[in-house]
């Protein structure tokens, strides 16, 4: 039911705008609770949300383990529980990994639609995991790029990515090679130290920074963070969870929802960064979309 993540865009745009509207928007969502699993180097995240506009109540349970020895196990695994908000009954248990991949890419696409330069021709993806595939799918569906480039720390995975997607992809031997001259850059890595540097980035480019979801992890260097206009999904989450934001001291210009509401400008002529941490309400609207589509089919 989530074969095309682009179908989620209207619901996600509404949810982002409602979140940024505060109490009037009817989104109730605390910053996620993250429990470390020190013995095994992992984390368990708990992400509840209620959306009044959708009358939908969910919680997502997500585990993430960096640098697993067994690479057959995904770094992120998730389950979404969908409840009946009128009486608290559990209605459905959904595969949260698919929902997370699709809704994250869809929100990056919303940011890109608003923030990318007007004549964007080159897309660069740093990383070749699950999020690289979901971003590639929706970005090539919604936008027209003349060239797509990919780089990954282990080149074999980048080659595998390039050979398994639907269109031509250039595999680059360094992140700098991939980034140079790119108009839109997507970072979807498990990096804990910067892999993207400001002096590589073309002025006016747009960056979707999706990895580095812990306060001590980085994907982007200080120069890039400080010399670009910074957009986030949630101010509170970015100031609590994003190493790129916290450690650089970069100033947040706007939440994506504020741009969608029209209370803040998009500034596509500037170099822009959208720091995506992912919000529980995004899982809520995606889970409800899947459940409603399934119910209609039955």
Foldseek 3Di string as FASTA:
>chain_A
DVPDLLVCQVVVLLLLLLVVVPVVSQKDWDQWDWDAPVVQQKIWIKTWMAGPVLRWTKIKIKMAHPPDPPVVDPRIFMKMFTANNVPGHTDDIDGVVVLVLSLLLSVVVLLCVQAFAPDFAEEEEEAQDSNVQNNVRNCVVPDHHNAYEYEYPDQVSVVVSQVPDDDHYHYDDAPLVRAAPGQEYEYDDQAQEARAEPVSHDWLHEYEYEYQFALRGDHYDLVLLAQFAEEESDPVSCCHTHVSCPVSVHDHDYYSSCCSVVVHHRPSRGYYYYYYNDHSVSSRSSVVVVVVVVVVVD
